[in-house]
Amino acid sequence: MCRSIKRLRDSAGDPATPTEVDEAALQFVRKVSGYRVPSKANAAAFDAAVDEVSAATQQLLEALVSRPR
C-alpha cells in the first residue's frame, strides 16, 4: 500500500479537507502509474485520473456513515 497516503477518515468523524483528498489522489495515481511527473504525452491522462480518483474518494467519504458506539 502507499505508505505516504494518510488516512482521510478518522474515528472522531472529522472530515478530510479537499486538499487532503487531492493530495491522496495524486499519490495514488503516482504509485499506480509509476510516474512522479508524467511526460507531456501522458499529462492529460494522468491529470484526469487524479481528478477522477479525487472525486470518487470524496463521494466515498461523504457516503460513509459512522456507527454509534
Protein backbone atom coordinates (compact mmCIF):
# COMPACT_ATOMS: atom_id res chain seq x y z
CA MET A 1 0.00 0.00 0.00
CA CYS A 2 1.06 3.59 -0.46
CA ARG A 3 2.63 4.47 2.84
CA SER A 4 2.67 8.18 2.04
CA ILE A 5 -1.11 8.32 1.73
CA LYS A 6 -2.58 9.26 5.06
CA ARG A 7 -5.90 8.01 6.36
CA LEU A 8 -8.58 10.51 5.41
CA ARG A 9 -11.30 9.29 7.74
CA ASP A 10 -10.66 9.33 11.46
CA SER A 11 -12.61 7.92 14.36
CA ALA A 12 -13.64 11.39 15.51
CA GLY A 13 -15.52 11.94 12.26
CA ASP A 14 -13.50 14.98 11.26
CA PRO A 15 -13.89 15.43 7.50
CA ALA A 16 -10.85 15.47 5.24
CA THR A 17 -10.19 18.75 3.50
CA PRO A 18 -10.40 18.94 -0.30
CA THR A 19 -6.64 19.50 -0.34
CA GLU A 20 -6.04 16.31 1.63
CA VAL A 21 -8.28 14.35 -0.74
CA ASP A 22 -6.48 15.78 -3.79
CA GLU A 23 -3.04 15.02 -2.34
CA ALA A 24 -4.04 11.43 -1.58
CA ALA A 25 -5.42 11.03 -5.12
CA LEU A 26 -2.19 12.37 -6.60
CA GLN A 27 -0.08 9.96 -4.54
CA PHE A 28 -2.30 7.04 -5.55
CA VAL A 29 -2.08 7.86 -9.27
CA ARG A 30 1.69 8.33 -8.98
CA LYS A 31 2.01 4.91 -7.39
CA VAL A 32 -0.25 3.14 -9.87
CA SER A 33 1.21 4.83 -12.97
CA GLY A 34 4.83 4.69 -11.91
CA TYR A 35 5.26 8.38 -12.79
CA ARG A 36 6.15 11.09 -10.33
CA VAL A 37 5.71 13.61 -13.13
CA PRO A 38 4.21 12.29 -16.36
CA SER A 39 5.52 13.16 -19.81
CA LYS A 40 3.65 15.72 -21.89
CA ALA A 41 2.11 12.85 -23.85
CA ASN A 42 0.69 11.33 -20.65
CA ALA A 43 -0.11 14.51 -18.70
CA ALA A 44 -3.78 14.74 -19.72
CA ALA A 45 -4.50 11.11 -18.81
CA PHE A 46 -2.57 11.47 -15.55
CA ASP A 47 -4.41 14.65 -14.54
CA ALA A 48 -7.78 13.17 -15.48
CA ALA A 49 -7.05 10.12 -13.34
CA VAL A 50 -6.14 12.33 -10.37
CA ASP A 51 -9.41 14.25 -10.77
CA GLU A 52 -11.46 11.04 -11.03
CA VAL A 53 -9.80 9.40 -8.02
CA SER A 54 -10.26 12.59 -6.01
CA ALA A 55 -13.96 12.80 -6.91
CA ALA A 56 -14.54 9.12 -6.14
CA THR A 57 -12.74 9.47 -2.81
CA GLN A 58 -14.83 12.49 -1.85
CA GLN A 59 -18.04 10.64 -2.76
CA LEU A 60 -16.96 7.67 -0.68
CA LEU A 61 -16.13 9.78 2.36
CA GLU A 62 -19.44 11.60 2.13
CA ALA A 63 -21.40 8.35 1.81
CA LEU A 64 -19.82 6.55 4.77
CA VAL A 65 -21.81 6.56 7.98
CA SER A 66 -20.35 6.20 11.42
CA ARG A 67 -21.99 3.74 13.72
CA PRO A 68 -22.76 4.88 17.22
CA ARG A 69 -20.62 3.38 19.94
